[in-house]
Each structure stands twice: as C-alpha cells, then as structure tokens.
Protein backbone atom coordinates (compact mmCIF):
# COMPACT_ATOMS: atom_id res chain seq x y z
CA MET A 1 66.01 29.22 118.71
CA GLY A 2 65.15 32.91 118.68
CA VAL A 3 61.96 34.74 117.89
CA THR A 4 60.63 34.36 114.33
CA GLY A 5 58.37 36.52 112.17
CA LYS A 6 57.33 36.87 108.53
CA ILE A 7 58.27 39.62 106.08
CA TYR A 8 55.35 41.96 105.42
CA GLY A 9 56.96 44.77 103.39
CA ILE A 10 60.29 45.32 101.56
CA ASN A 11 61.68 48.78 100.79
CA GLY A 12 65.24 48.42 99.49
CA PRO A 13 67.45 47.38 102.44
CA VAL A 14 64.61 47.99 104.92
CA ILE A 15 62.03 45.28 105.64
CA SER A 16 59.04 45.33 107.99
CA ILE A 17 57.34 42.61 110.05
CA LEU A 18 53.78 43.09 111.30
CA GLY A 19 53.25 43.20 115.05
CA ASN A 20 55.63 43.16 118.00
CA LEU A 21 56.71 39.52 118.16
CA GLY A 22 59.37 39.89 120.83
CA PHE A 23 62.41 41.00 118.82
CA LYS A 24 64.83 43.25 120.71
CA MET A 25 66.27 46.57 119.53
CA ASN A 26 69.60 46.13 117.65
CA GLU A 27 69.11 42.35 117.61
CA MET A 28 70.85 40.49 114.81
CA VAL A 29 68.42 38.54 112.61
CA TYR A 30 68.56 36.22 109.61
CA VAL A 31 66.21 37.22 106.79
CA GLY A 32 64.60 34.94 104.20
CA GLU A 33 65.60 31.59 102.78
CA LYS A 34 69.15 32.74 102.04
CA ARG A 35 69.57 33.91 105.66
CA LEU A 36 70.67 37.44 104.91
CA VAL A 37 72.18 39.25 107.89
CA GLY A 38 70.03 42.06 109.30
CA GLU A 39 69.56 44.20 112.41
CA VAL A 40 66.40 45.37 114.18
CA ILE A 41 66.33 49.19 114.01
CA GLY A 42 62.71 50.00 114.90
CA LEU A 43 60.09 48.56 117.25
CA THR A 44 56.46 49.69 117.62
CA ARG A 45 53.32 47.90 118.71
CA GLU A 46 52.27 47.64 115.05
CA LYS A 47 55.51 46.58 113.36
CA THR A 48 59.18 45.62 113.64
CA THR A 49 61.65 47.28 111.24
CA VAL A 50 64.86 45.55 110.13
CA GLN A 51 67.76 46.89 108.06
CA VAL A 52 69.42 44.20 105.93
CA TYR A 53 73.17 44.37 105.38
CA GLU A 54 72.99 42.52 102.06
CA GLU A 55 71.27 42.89 98.72
CA THR A 56 67.52 42.29 99.16
CA SER A 57 66.54 41.64 95.52
CA GLY A 58 64.61 38.37 95.27
CA LEU A 59 63.17 38.58 98.81
CA LYS A 60 59.40 38.02 99.00
CA PRO A 61 56.74 38.88 101.60
CA GLY A 62 55.98 35.89 103.75
CA GLU A 63 59.60 34.68 104.02
CA LEU A 64 60.84 33.94 107.52
CA VAL A 65 62.85 36.32 109.70
CA GLU A 66 64.71 34.53 112.50
CA GLY A 67 66.12 36.31 115.56
CA THR A 68 69.45 35.31 117.14
CA GLY A 69 68.79 36.76 120.59
CA GLY A 70 72.01 38.80 120.48
CA ALA A 71 73.20 42.11 119.01
CA ILE A 72 75.29 42.51 115.85
CA SER A 73 78.69 41.51 117.17
CA VAL A 74 82.24 40.91 115.99
CA THR A 75 84.28 37.82 116.79
CA LEU A 76 87.52 38.79 118.55
CA ALA A 77 90.37 36.28 118.40
CA PRO A 78 93.73 35.71 116.66
CA GLY A 79 93.40 35.95 112.87
CA ILE A 80 92.07 39.51 112.65
CA LEU A 81 95.39 41.03 111.54
CA ASN A 82 96.71 40.52 108.00
CA ASN A 83 93.13 39.97 106.88
CA ILE A 84 90.47 41.77 104.87
CA PHE A 85 86.81 41.81 105.92
CA ASP A 86 83.57 43.27 104.63
CA GLY A 87 81.43 45.67 106.73
CA ILE A 88 80.09 42.90 109.01
CA GLU A 89 83.43 41.11 109.54
CA ARG A 90 83.04 38.39 106.94
CA PRO A 91 86.51 37.47 105.58
CA LEU A 92 86.58 38.33 101.88
CA GLU A 93 89.44 35.94 101.04
CA ALA A 94 87.54 32.99 102.55
CA ILE A 95 84.39 34.01 100.63
CA ALA A 96 86.40 34.30 97.39
CA GLU A 97 87.86 30.80 97.89
CA GLU A 98 84.43 29.32 98.51
CA HIS A 99 82.15 31.32 96.19
CA GLY A 100 84.33 33.19 93.65
CA VAL A 101 85.04 36.90 93.25
CA PHE A 102 81.46 38.13 93.81
CA ILE A 103 79.93 37.83 97.26
CA PRO A 104 76.74 35.76 97.02
CA LYS A 105 73.70 36.59 99.14
CA GLY A 106 73.79 35.01 102.55
CA ALA A 107 77.41 33.89 102.17
CA ASP A 108 77.92 31.74 105.25
CA VAL A 109 81.59 31.49 106.22
CA ASP A 110 83.31 31.47 109.59
CA LEU A 111 84.25 35.03 110.58
CA LEU A 112 87.66 33.77 111.68
CA ASP A 113 89.44 30.53 110.77
CA LYS A 114 88.33 27.86 113.27
CA GLU A 115 90.65 25.15 111.93
CA ARG A 116 93.96 27.00 112.17
CA LYS A 117 96.07 26.24 115.23
CA TRP A 118 97.90 29.00 117.11
CA ALA A 119 100.91 28.61 119.39
CA ALA A 120 99.59 29.67 122.82
CA HIS A 121 101.67 30.46 125.91
CA ILE A 122 99.46 30.34 129.04
CA THR A 123 100.33 33.24 131.38
CA VAL A 124 98.28 32.21 134.46
CA LYS A 125 98.44 29.29 136.92
CA PRO A 126 95.81 27.50 139.06
CA GLY A 127 94.75 29.56 142.05
CA ASP A 128 95.35 32.94 140.34
CA LYS A 129 92.65 35.54 140.83
CA LEU A 130 91.52 37.06 137.51
CA TYR A 131 89.74 40.31 136.82
CA PRO A 132 88.14 41.80 133.68
CA GLY A 133 90.86 42.30 131.06
CA SER A 134 93.39 39.96 132.73
CA VAL A 135 95.70 38.36 130.16
CA ILE A 136 95.39 34.55 130.27
CA ALA A 137 97.52 33.65 127.23
CA GLU A 138 99.83 35.13 124.60
CA VAL A 139 99.70 34.10 120.95
CA PRO A 140 102.10 35.31 118.21
CA GLU A 141 99.37 36.42 115.77
CA THR A 142 101.85 37.73 113.19
CA LYS A 143 105.60 38.32 113.13
CA SER A 144 104.95 41.86 114.41
CA ILE A 145 102.16 41.48 116.99
CA ILE A 146 101.65 39.31 120.07
CA HIS A 147 97.93 38.71 120.57
CA LYS A 148 96.98 38.82 124.25
CA VAL A 149 94.01 36.63 125.10
CA MET A 150 92.04 38.46 127.79
CA LEU A 151 89.25 37.77 130.21
CA PRO A 152 86.11 39.43 128.77
CA PRO A 153 84.75 42.56 130.53
CA GLY A 154 82.27 41.81 133.32
CA ILE A 155 83.85 38.46 134.31
CA SER A 156 86.17 37.75 137.24
CA GLY A 157 87.07 34.59 139.12
CA GLU A 158 89.74 32.09 140.18
CA VAL A 159 91.74 29.81 137.88
CA MET A 160 90.85 26.14 138.42
CA SER A 161 92.88 24.47 135.67
CA ILE A 162 95.05 25.38 132.66
CA GLN A 163 96.18 23.65 129.50
CA PRO A 164 99.90 23.24 128.80
CA ASP A 165 101.57 25.56 126.28
CA GLY A 166 100.97 24.31 122.75
CA ASP A 167 98.97 24.68 119.53
CA TYR A 168 95.24 25.33 119.88
CA THR A 169 92.35 26.52 117.70
CA ILE A 170 90.42 29.65 118.69
CA GLU A 171 87.64 27.44 120.14
CA ASN A 172 89.80 25.10 122.25
CA GLU A 173 89.68 25.53 126.03
CA LEU A 174 92.83 27.21 127.43
CA VAL A 175 91.83 28.00 131.01
CA ARG A 176 88.95 26.99 133.26
CA ILE A 177 87.84 29.39 136.00
CA ARG A 178 85.29 29.54 138.79
CA THR A 179 83.55 32.90 138.60
CA ASP A 180 82.69 35.04 141.61
CA LYS A 181 79.12 33.76 141.23
CA GLY A 182 80.34 30.17 141.69
CA GLU A 183 79.89 29.11 138.03
CA GLU A 184 82.51 27.16 136.11
CA LEU A 185 83.57 28.85 132.89
CA SER A 186 85.69 27.57 130.03
CA LEU A 187 87.88 30.28 128.44
CA THR A 188 89.00 30.09 124.82
CA MET A 189 90.80 32.59 122.58
CA THR A 190 87.47 33.93 121.34
CA GLN A 191 85.34 36.84 122.57
CA LYS A 192 82.23 38.40 121.07
CA TRP A 193 81.42 42.08 121.42
CA PRO A 194 78.46 44.17 120.15
CA ILE A 195 79.76 46.73 117.64
CA ARG A 196 77.60 49.63 118.82
CA ILE A 197 78.72 49.48 122.47
CA PRO A 198 82.15 50.94 123.40
CA ARG A 199 84.42 48.54 125.30
CA PRO A 200 84.90 49.63 128.94
CA ILE A 201 88.06 51.36 130.20
CA ALA A 202 89.50 52.20 133.64
CA LYS A 203 90.25 55.88 132.99
CA ARG A 204 91.01 58.37 130.25
CA TYR A 205 94.30 60.28 129.96
CA PRO A 206 94.78 63.80 128.57
CA ALA A 207 96.11 64.14 125.01
CA ASP A 208 99.73 64.97 125.88
CA ARG A 209 101.82 63.08 123.27
CA PRO A 210 101.62 63.27 119.49
CA LEU A 211 101.02 60.62 116.90
CA VAL A 212 104.33 60.98 115.04
CA THR A 213 103.66 60.64 111.31
CA GLY A 214 106.90 61.77 109.67
CA GLN A 215 104.83 64.22 107.56
CA ARG A 216 106.24 67.71 108.26
CA ILE A 217 103.05 69.71 107.84
CA LEU A 218 101.30 67.43 110.35
CA ASP A 219 104.01 66.88 112.95
CA THR A 220 105.06 70.52 112.97
CA LEU A 221 102.10 72.71 112.10
CA PHE A 222 98.99 70.60 112.76
CA PRO A 223 99.86 67.71 115.08
CA ILE A 224 97.45 64.88 115.92
CA ALA A 225 97.59 63.58 119.49
CA LYS A 226 97.77 59.86 120.27
CA GLY A 227 94.21 58.98 121.12
CA GLY A 228 93.05 62.12 119.31
CA THR A 229 90.68 62.75 116.42
CA ALA A 230 91.36 64.35 113.06
CA ALA A 231 89.24 65.13 110.01
CA LEU A 232 90.70 65.10 106.52
CA PRO A 233 88.16 66.86 104.27
CA GLY A 234 88.74 67.46 100.59
CA GLY A 235 87.04 67.33 97.21
CA PHE A 236 87.68 64.76 94.49
CA GLY A 237 91.35 64.41 93.52
CA THR A 238 92.82 66.35 96.47
CA GLY A 239 94.69 63.34 97.87
CA LYS A 240 92.60 62.15 100.87
CA THR A 241 93.27 58.48 100.24
CA MET A 242 96.95 59.11 99.42
CA THR A 243 97.43 61.10 102.65
CA GLN A 244 95.76 58.33 104.66
CA HIS A 245 98.02 55.74 103.00
CA GLN A 246 101.05 57.79 104.09
CA LEU A 247 99.76 58.01 107.64
CA ALA A 248 98.98 54.29 107.73
CA LYS A 249 102.50 53.46 106.50
CA TRP A 250 104.50 55.80 108.69
CA CYS A 251 102.63 56.85 111.86
CA ASP A 252 103.97 55.37 115.10
CA ALA A 253 100.81 53.39 115.91
CA ASP A 254 101.30 49.67 116.62
CA ILE A 255 98.25 48.60 114.63
CA ILE A 256 96.38 50.10 111.67
CA ILE A 257 92.67 49.52 110.97
CA TYR A 258 91.85 50.81 107.48
CA ILE A 259 88.12 51.16 106.71
CA GLY A 260 87.26 51.66 103.05
CA CYS A 261 83.69 52.82 103.51
CA GLY A 262 81.85 53.27 100.20
CA GLU A 263 85.09 54.00 98.35
CA ARG A 264 85.88 52.82 94.83
CA GLY A 265 87.03 49.23 94.50
CA ASN A 266 90.23 50.18 92.66
CA GLU A 267 91.33 52.31 95.64
CA MET A 268 90.94 49.37 98.00
CA THR A 269 92.84 47.21 95.50
CA ASN A 270 95.69 49.75 95.60
CA VAL A 271 95.72 49.58 99.41
CA LEU A 272 95.82 45.78 99.30
CA GLU A 273 98.61 45.67 96.73
CA GLU A 274 100.68 48.40 98.40
CA PHE A 275 100.33 47.16 101.95
CA GLY A 276 100.89 43.56 100.87
CA GLU A 277 104.33 44.45 99.47
CA LEU A 278 105.39 47.26 101.78
CA GLU A 279 107.99 46.66 104.43
CA ASP A 280 107.13 47.95 107.88
CA PRO A 281 109.87 50.46 108.78
CA LYS A 282 109.54 49.64 112.50
CA THR A 283 109.88 45.85 112.39
CA GLY A 284 111.17 44.99 108.92
CA ASN A 285 108.17 42.67 108.44
CA LEU A 286 105.30 43.25 106.03
CA LEU A 287 103.03 46.18 106.88
CA MET A 288 100.01 43.87 106.57
CA ASP A 289 101.29 41.98 109.62
CA ARG A 290 99.94 44.81 111.76
CA THR A 291 97.06 45.94 109.54
CA THR A 292 93.42 44.98 109.12
CA LEU A 293 91.39 46.14 106.14
CA ILE A 294 87.63 46.53 106.18
CA ALA A 295 86.48 46.88 102.59
CA ASN A 296 82.98 48.03 101.99
CA THR A 297 83.24 49.40 98.47
CA SER A 298 80.73 51.51 96.58
CA ASN A 299 79.29 48.48 94.75
CA MET A 300 78.50 46.62 98.00
CA PRO A 301 75.13 46.98 99.76
CA VAL A 302 74.72 50.48 101.15
CA ALA A 303 73.42 49.41 104.58
CA ALA A 304 76.64 47.54 105.36
CA ARG A 305 78.52 50.86 105.19
CA GLU A 306 76.70 51.90 108.31
CA ALA A 307 78.02 48.85 110.17
CA SER A 308 81.59 48.96 108.78
CA ILE A 309 82.57 52.04 110.80
CA TYR A 310 81.44 50.40 114.05
CA THR A 311 83.08 47.08 113.14
CA GLY A 312 86.39 48.90 112.62
CA ILE A 313 86.26 50.87 115.87
CA THR A 314 85.37 47.74 117.89
CA LEU A 315 88.38 45.85 116.48
CA ALA A 316 90.52 48.88 117.34
CA GLU A 317 89.24 48.97 120.95
CA TYR A 318 89.99 45.25 121.32
CA TYR A 319 93.66 45.72 120.42
CA ARG A 320 93.79 48.88 122.55
CA ASP A 321 92.71 46.74 125.52
CA MET A 322 95.84 44.62 124.98
CA GLY A 323 97.99 47.74 125.47
CA TYR A 324 98.55 48.65 121.81
CA HIS A 325 98.30 52.03 120.12
CA VAL A 326 95.83 51.76 117.24
CA ALA A 327 95.17 54.21 114.40
CA ILE A 328 91.94 54.05 112.42
CA MET A 329 91.73 55.40 108.89
CA ALA A 330 88.05 55.87 107.99
CA ASP A 331 87.78 56.58 104.26
CA SER A 332 85.29 58.14 104.07
CA THR A 333 82.73 59.16 106.69
CA SER A 334 80.78 61.06 103.99
CA ARG A 335 79.88 57.75 102.31
CA TRP A 336 78.82 56.44 105.70
CA ALA A 337 76.62 59.52 106.21
CA GLU A 338 75.13 58.92 102.75
CA ALA A 339 74.16 55.40 103.86
CA LEU A 340 72.47 56.94 106.92
CA ARG A 341 70.63 59.33 104.60
CA GLU A 342 69.41 56.54 102.35
CA LEU A 343 68.18 54.43 105.25
CA SER A 344 66.55 57.45 106.88
CA GLY A 345 64.72 58.19 103.61
CA ARG A 346 63.50 54.58 103.37
CA LEU A 347 62.18 54.87 106.93
CA GLU A 348 60.34 58.09 105.95
CA GLU A 349 61.97 60.08 108.75
CA MET A 350 61.85 63.84 108.71
CA PRO A 351 64.98 65.03 106.85
CA ALA A 352 67.26 67.77 108.13
CA GLU A 353 69.77 69.80 106.09
CA GLU A 354 70.48 68.38 102.59
CA GLY A 355 68.33 65.34 103.34
CA PHE A 356 70.60 63.97 106.07
CA PRO A 357 68.81 62.65 109.17
CA ALA A 358 68.50 64.92 112.21
CA TYR A 359 70.63 62.47 114.25
CA LEU A 360 73.69 62.80 111.96
CA ALA A 361 75.56 64.92 114.53
CA SER A 362 74.92 62.53 117.42
CA ARG A 363 76.05 59.50 115.34
CA LEU A 364 79.25 61.29 114.33
CA SER A 365 79.97 62.34 117.91
CA ALA A 366 79.35 58.79 119.19
CA PHE A 367 81.90 57.51 116.66
CA TYR A 368 84.65 60.07 117.35
CA GLU A 369 84.17 59.85 121.12
CA ARG A 370 85.38 56.25 121.02
CA ALA A 371 88.90 57.59 120.40
CA GLY A 372 91.17 58.25 123.37
CA TYR A 373 94.40 57.52 125.26
CA VAL A 374 93.27 55.31 128.14
CA GLU A 375 94.21 53.05 131.01
CA ASN A 376 92.67 49.65 130.27
CA LEU A 377 90.91 47.36 132.74
CA ASN A 378 94.10 45.27 133.06
CA GLY A 379 96.23 48.32 133.97
CA SER A 380 97.98 48.64 130.59
CA ASP A 381 97.91 51.85 128.52
CA GLY A 382 96.56 51.94 125.00
CA SER A 383 95.04 54.37 122.54
CA VAL A 384 92.71 54.64 119.57
CA THR A 385 93.36 57.53 117.18
CA ILE A 386 90.68 58.24 114.56
CA ILE A 387 91.55 59.94 111.27
CA GLY A 388 88.35 60.31 109.28
CA ALA A 389 88.34 61.42 105.64
CA VAL A 390 85.39 63.57 104.55
CA SER A 391 84.37 63.90 100.88
CA PRO A 392 82.22 67.04 100.55
CA GLN A 393 80.58 67.33 97.15
CA GLY A 394 82.40 69.86 95.00
CA GLY A 395 84.84 70.51 97.86
CA ASP A 396 82.17 72.58 99.68
CA PHE A 397 83.15 72.59 103.38
CA SER A 398 79.87 74.21 104.40
CA GLU A 399 77.91 70.97 103.82
CA PRO A 400 76.49 69.15 106.91
CA VAL A 401 78.95 66.21 107.21
CA THR A 402 82.04 68.47 107.20
CA GLN A 403 80.47 71.02 109.54
CA ASN A 404 79.25 68.41 112.03
CA THR A 405 82.57 66.56 111.91
CA LYS A 406 84.33 69.86 112.66
CA ARG A 407 82.37 70.05 115.93
CA PHE A 408 83.75 66.76 117.24
CA VAL A 409 87.38 66.66 116.08
CA ARG A 410 90.27 68.72 117.40
CA CYS A 411 92.43 68.56 114.29
CA PHE A 412 91.10 69.77 110.93
CA LEU A 413 93.33 69.10 107.92
CA ALA A 414 91.66 70.90 105.02
CA LEU A 415 92.80 69.60 101.63
CA ASP A 416 92.90 72.21 98.90
CA LYS A 417 92.03 71.61 95.26
CA SER A 418 94.29 74.37 93.92
CA LEU A 419 97.30 72.98 95.84
CA ALA A 420 96.59 69.46 94.55
CA TYR A 421 96.31 70.69 90.96
CA ALA A 422 99.59 72.55 91.41
CA ARG A 423 101.14 69.18 92.44
CA HIS A 424 101.78 70.43 95.98
CA TYR A 425 101.39 67.33 98.19
CA PRO A 426 100.21 66.80 100.83
CA ALA A 427 97.67 69.36 99.63
CA ILE A 428 96.82 70.55 103.17
CA ASN A 429 95.94 74.23 103.21
CA TRP A 430 97.92 75.83 106.07
CA LEU A 431 95.51 78.78 106.29
CA THR A 432 92.23 76.88 106.75
CA SER A 433 93.61 73.91 108.74
CA TYR A 434 94.10 73.93 112.51
CA SER A 435 95.05 71.71 115.42
CA GLU A 436 93.81 72.30 118.96
CA TYR A 437 96.43 69.88 120.29
CA VAL A 438 99.41 72.24 119.94
CA GLY A 439 99.05 73.64 123.48
CA ASP A 440 98.60 70.14 124.99
CA LEU A 441 101.67 68.81 123.19
CA SER A 442 104.05 71.75 123.71
CA GLU A 443 105.66 70.15 126.81
CA TRP A 444 106.28 66.91 124.89
CA TYR A 445 107.88 68.86 122.04
CA SER A 446 110.14 70.73 124.48
CA HIS A 447 111.38 67.49 126.10
CA ASN A 448 111.58 65.26 123.02
CA ALA A 449 112.08 67.41 119.94
CA GLY A 450 113.83 70.58 121.14
CA GLU A 451 113.08 73.49 123.44
CA ASP A 452 112.57 75.95 120.62
CA PHE A 453 110.39 73.60 118.50
CA VAL A 454 107.07 75.34 119.27
CA ASP A 455 108.61 78.82 118.87
CA CYS A 456 110.01 77.86 115.45
CA ARG A 457 106.64 76.39 114.47
CA ASN A 458 104.81 79.58 115.48
CA GLU A 459 107.27 81.76 113.54
CA ILE A 460 106.93 79.59 110.41
CA LEU A 461 103.13 79.82 110.63
CA ASN A 462 103.35 83.58 111.17
CA ILE A 463 105.45 84.00 107.99
CA LEU A 464 102.91 81.96 105.99
CA THR A 465 100.00 84.02 107.34
CA THR A 466 101.80 87.27 106.52
CA GLU A 467 102.52 85.98 102.99
CA ASN A 468 98.81 85.38 102.44
CA ARG A 469 98.04 88.96 103.49
CA LEU A 470 100.75 90.33 101.20
CA ASN A 471 99.52 88.22 98.28
CA GLU A 472 96.22 90.08 98.45
CA ILE A 473 98.14 93.35 97.90
CA VAL A 474 100.28 91.80 95.15
CA LYS A 475 97.15 90.75 93.25
CA LEU A 476 95.98 94.36 93.23
CA ILE A 477 99.14 96.36 92.57
CA GLY A 478 101.94 93.87 91.80
CA SER A 479 104.99 92.86 93.85
CA ASP A 480 107.35 95.60 92.58
CA VAL A 481 105.82 98.26 94.82
CA LEU A 482 106.35 96.27 98.03
CA PRO A 483 109.20 97.34 100.30
CA ASP A 484 112.17 94.95 100.48
CA ASP A 485 111.35 93.59 103.94
CA GLN A 486 107.97 92.41 102.61
CA LYS A 487 109.56 91.00 99.44
CA LEU A 488 111.79 89.00 101.79
CA ILE A 489 108.76 87.53 103.56
CA LEU A 490 107.38 86.38 100.18
CA GLU A 491 110.72 84.76 99.31
CA ILE A 492 111.11 82.99 102.68
CA ALA A 493 107.48 81.83 102.51
CA ARG A 494 108.29 80.30 99.09
CA VAL A 495 111.24 78.47 100.68
CA ILE A 496 108.94 77.18 103.47
CA ARG A 497 106.26 76.06 100.99
CA LEU A 498 108.59 74.27 98.59
CA GLY A 499 111.30 73.15 100.97
CA PHE A 500 109.31 72.29 104.09
CA LEU A 501 105.57 71.88 103.50
CA GLN A 502 105.81 70.06 100.17
CA GLN A 503 106.81 66.44 100.70
CA ASN A 504 107.58 63.67 98.21
CA ALA A 505 106.02 60.34 99.16
CA PHE A 506 108.17 58.52 96.57
CA HIS A 507 111.58 59.80 97.72
CA LYS A 508 113.28 57.56 100.29
CA GLU A 509 114.64 60.48 102.35
CA ASP A 510 111.50 62.60 102.11
CA THR A 511 108.65 60.12 102.53
CA PHE A 512 109.27 60.00 106.32
CA VAL A 513 111.13 62.73 108.21
CA PRO A 514 112.09 62.34 111.92
CA MET A 515 111.26 65.14 114.35
CA GLU A 516 114.93 66.08 114.80
CA LYS A 517 115.33 66.74 111.08
CA GLN A 518 112.06 68.72 110.99
CA LEU A 519 113.39 71.02 113.74
CA LYS A 520 116.79 71.41 112.03
CA MET A 521 115.06 72.33 108.76
CA MET A 522 112.99 75.00 110.50
CA GLU A 523 116.05 76.39 112.28
CA VAL A 524 118.04 76.66 109.02
CA ILE A 525 115.14 78.42 107.22
CA LEU A 526 114.71 80.86 110.11
CA HIS A 527 118.48 81.41 110.32
CA LEU A 528 118.41 82.39 106.63
CA TYR A 529 115.45 84.70 107.32
CA ASP A 530 117.23 86.44 110.22
CA ARG A 531 120.42 86.98 108.18
CA CYS A 532 118.47 88.31 105.19
CA LYS A 533 116.58 90.68 107.51
CA ASP A 534 119.91 92.04 108.75
CA LEU A 535 121.01 92.63 105.15
CA ILE A 536 117.73 94.37 104.26
CA GLU A 537 118.21 96.63 107.29
CA MET A 538 121.58 97.59 105.79
CA ASN A 539 119.58 98.84 102.77
CA MET A 540 120.58 96.00 100.50
CA PRO A 541 117.90 95.42 97.84
CA MET A 542 116.08 92.10 97.65
CA ALA A 543 117.15 91.75 94.01
CA LEU A 544 120.77 91.52 95.22
CA LEU A 545 119.93 88.75 97.70
CA ARG A 546 118.09 86.78 95.02
CA GLU A 547 121.23 86.67 92.87
CA SER A 548 122.61 84.04 95.25
CA ASP A 549 121.53 80.37 94.95
CA VAL A 550 121.26 80.05 98.75
CA PHE A 551 117.44 80.01 98.65
CA GLU A 552 117.36 77.07 96.19
CA LYS A 553 119.96 75.18 98.23
CA ILE A 554 117.84 75.52 101.38
CA ILE A 555 114.77 74.25 99.45
CA ALA A 556 116.79 71.18 98.38
CA ILE A 557 117.73 70.24 101.98
CA LYS A 558 114.85 67.78 102.19
CA TYR A 559 116.52 65.65 99.50
CA ASP A 560 120.19 66.47 100.05
CA VAL A 561 120.44 65.74 103.79
CA PRO A 562 119.78 62.06 104.66
CA ASN A 563 117.69 61.42 107.77
CA ASN A 564 120.63 59.75 109.52
CA GLU A 565 123.23 62.46 108.74
CA LEU A 566 121.83 65.47 110.58
CA GLU A 567 125.33 66.79 111.35
CA ARG A 568 125.35 68.05 107.73
CA PHE A 569 123.03 70.88 108.78
CA GLU A 570 126.06 72.65 110.25
CA SER A 571 127.44 73.14 106.74
CA TYR A 572 124.20 74.93 105.77
CA ASP A 573 124.52 77.26 108.76
CA ARG A 574 128.11 78.01 107.65
CA MET A 575 126.87 78.57 104.08
CA ILE A 576 124.30 81.14 105.29
CA GLU A 577 126.97 82.94 107.33
CA ALA A 578 129.32 82.94 104.31
CA PHE A 579 126.50 84.34 102.13
CA TYR A 580 125.90 87.10 104.72
CA GLU A 581 129.58 88.00 105.13
CA HIS A 582 130.18 88.02 101.38
CA LEU A 583 127.35 90.50 100.75
CA VAL A 584 128.46 92.71 103.65
CA SER A 585 132.07 92.78 102.47
CA VAL A 586 131.20 93.43 98.79
CA ASN A 587 128.60 96.09 99.50
CA ALA A 588 130.11 97.76 102.55
C-alpha cells in the first residue's frame, strides 16, 4: 500500500494535502471514497498539491488520498486499436456497458479487456538472447495490424522457457527469461509506461520522405514529412476537423491516433460513425481496425484534457516501436492549453500573456518533440507524425497558442475564414501557409514523383503569389487597365485555384489524388500557361483567348480523369496544342 494523506483544501480540480507525507512528483493517486484518479503536481514542505482528472463535486476535506507508488501510466497490450478511450485510457464502451451513457465518478473498469483471448505466435526459443525492444510474440490485433509483443525498455536477458502458440489473455505468461541481473522474469503481452516520459529510441533520422495524404495542396505545396510536425490553425467553421478527418482517412500512415481534446461531443460522434463505416483504402478492412480514438469532449472534466494529449502520444510511440508509421491528429491543442490555463489559475501561478501559464511554450515543445522518424531499439524503423489543430479565438493568429506552436512545427497550414465561407475546401491559405520540409523532400520527389515536380510546384506557387500582388492593383483601378500578360496570370491563377487547390472530399476521384496525377495536373496547367504566353506575345488579346472553353476543361480535369487512367492527360496536351494552332491560323 502506498502513502496516504487527508484532503485539506479543494479548489475545483485541484486539491491540497497538508504536509509532505512522502508522495512523489507525478505520482498517480486515488482521491476520496469514490477513488477518483489524480496526479501529484506540486510538493513543498507545507503541502502536497494534486490535480484530479475527474469531477470533484461532492469531495469533502478529511477524505483519504491514497498513493499508488507509480506515475500516471497507460497499459500497452493488444486491444488498443478499434477502441475509444477517455483522456486517462479508460475504455468508454466498457464504461457505457457497465454504468450507462454518463461516466460516473471513480468508474473502475479494466483499461484493456483482461478476459479476451488473443492468438499468439511466439517468435523466440529457449536460449535466445533478448534485448530491449526484442519481439517475443506476434498477435493479430485486428485484420489490418499485427501487434508485436516486445521486451520492455531497460530489460535484457536469456529465454528460459516459452509457451506453445495458442490463445492467451494479456496477463498470461508467454515467455520466461533470466535477466542480466540473474532474476527470473515472466513476460506477458502487457507493458505499462508513464505518459509524460518519451519512450527511448536508438537514433533519429532526418525528415527525408513525405507523409502522402492525397490532398493536392498539402502534397504539392506544403508537404508534411513522415515523422514531422504540422499545425492546422483556423477559426470556427474553417474546416479544421474536416481536414483532419481527410488526413486520417487517406494519409499513408499505418496507424491513426485521433485525440478529440475538449472538442464538441457531436464532432467525436461524427468521427466514430464515419470511421466505423469507412473502408480502409489500403487494406479493404474497416478504417477503425487501425485507429484509436481518445475522446475527451468539452463536457468532460477539464483536467483530463491535459492528460489526453500525453496518453495519445504514448500509444503512438508504442506502435512506432513495433516498426509502424503512426499519425496523431490532436484536435485541438488550444483546448489543451485552456486546461493548462485553468489549472495554472487554480494554483495561483503568475500568468503570462492572455492568462496562459509561463510554461506554455515548454509544454508545447515537449509534446511536438516526441514526433520523429526513428530507428527503434529492436532495429526496426518507425515514425510518429503530429498534426495539431489550433483554434485561435476569432481566428486571431497572433494569440499565444498559435504563436508558440509556430515556433515548434515546421509545417504551418493556415485555414482561412474567407476561403471557407466561399466554399473553397480545404480552406488552406496558400499565402500565409508554409512548409520547411520542401528542401528536405526534394530528392524524394525527384526519384518518386518526377524530376520536374519541385520546379512545377515552385512555378505554381509563383503564379499564385503574383496573382495576389495583381489583385491589390485590381482593387484600386480595376482589371481592364492591366496588360494582357498580367490578365493571363489572373486567369491561370483562377484555373490553379479552382482546378488544383480546391478539392472535393465527397467525389470518389477527387477525395484522394495520387502523386502521379498531381504532377500531370500541374504539367497540363503550366503547358496551357506557356502556350497562352506565346499567343499573348503575338499580340493576341486575352479576351480572344477567353472565348475558348479550354480553361474550363482544364479546371474539370480533377473530375474527368480517373486516378487509374492517367494516359488520358495526353488528350489534354493535344487539346492545348490544337487550341494554340487554331488561334495562330485564324489570326495570322
């Protein structure tokens, strides 16, 4: 039994215990008669401070606080995927079955199903030498993912005995080893890991390959590297959640961890319903077979938001250690920062900008630094990519959470209210967004997408930037006074915006676009631009060029050319040449 103390003061989710009774920093504790889960967050000679991850109404001074001796940890074993947890890894479906739709205080359920049997294939034999991260068994966790049972970090030894292949629970012994210290150790499918400590790795790789998403504006203009970090800031209604859903569905990560941190319950319901029905394009199985949801909605206790982010990243690191590529969708880190602000206020800490605590930046950096493309302890490669949504109030990007996030991510995908209201989705503003990964990924693009991919991308971006500059002039004096070469830039930029950047998530050919098609689309648009430039140089007016329907046909490519019939692009090149030759012959 751990250390015990009595509640002296209660201030919302923060409780205090008089004296230093021997609790440890970040120790998990049980609070009161209902055994609410809490964590020690402050220790002085005079008092111990605990944050409670559940509703504290009804608690009274004098009730017992019992220490566990260990940190807030997650249970790591088969059963994590195709499941939905709250912020401290309690399974919501199991709670609903036992207690109904509302989570009662102190709900005591097993974090993972201890009764269910899993088909285990033992991958070691007696006499084998094992090191941290060594795979001792393989378990088909879902139809899509093989769960690799590993030796926990910090343990090595020799296999003494093994169980035959068969069905076992997560607590049954699979392998027995003698450690290097001479102790006998029974290994099961289960590990525990403290959520605030990153899992160890062998080495970190540079960000030299992209996370392919099938979303043109991301893959082409603002790519995210595998093992990279991206921020998705935007005001209310700009499509943060919708964009994250698209990324979760289509990105080429093996496993998706979706954290609904302080978001509305109906949004999490949509995720559950969508993902539960959606077919995984890679395997043909359900998308939920490789997805875990952590739901900590706005009506749940605020302190648990703080833990949910760390719970999600720890689960991601665990699957990374097996050699999988994991993508985390954190929606949204602003709500997490608000939880920090509330707790900081309760603790009477000195506030910094807009009331957020002074340590906001360091907490954000500690979270985003847990991303990376790495070599694991067992020699396999894996990655964790973090895509964090930010919800600045009123869409004001100068507020502290957005600004501090900007410091620690290398890809900034700014969502724009005016684009969203104009029904331009994804509403990512190409002028205020950026990706620092373009240079790192250029070699990959050359080898895998096409040698001229980066050049085409740069030219497309240059046209869009020029259009913005010209629009400032148009606002002042109108478009009629512009010379024809500048009118052409405005027209081609319109083709790029409508035909390339705008993407329909509900159209089967447009919801996901392979890299090859993205390059072909850029090449056709730029081919049209080059031919139109030649015509303008022959003193043909822009009004004459607009009489043709070629511009509208190029815009419609995204729907008209199926993803598996890319040879049809040749007909568009021929159409552009025919358009050019016709105008030359008629107006010669």
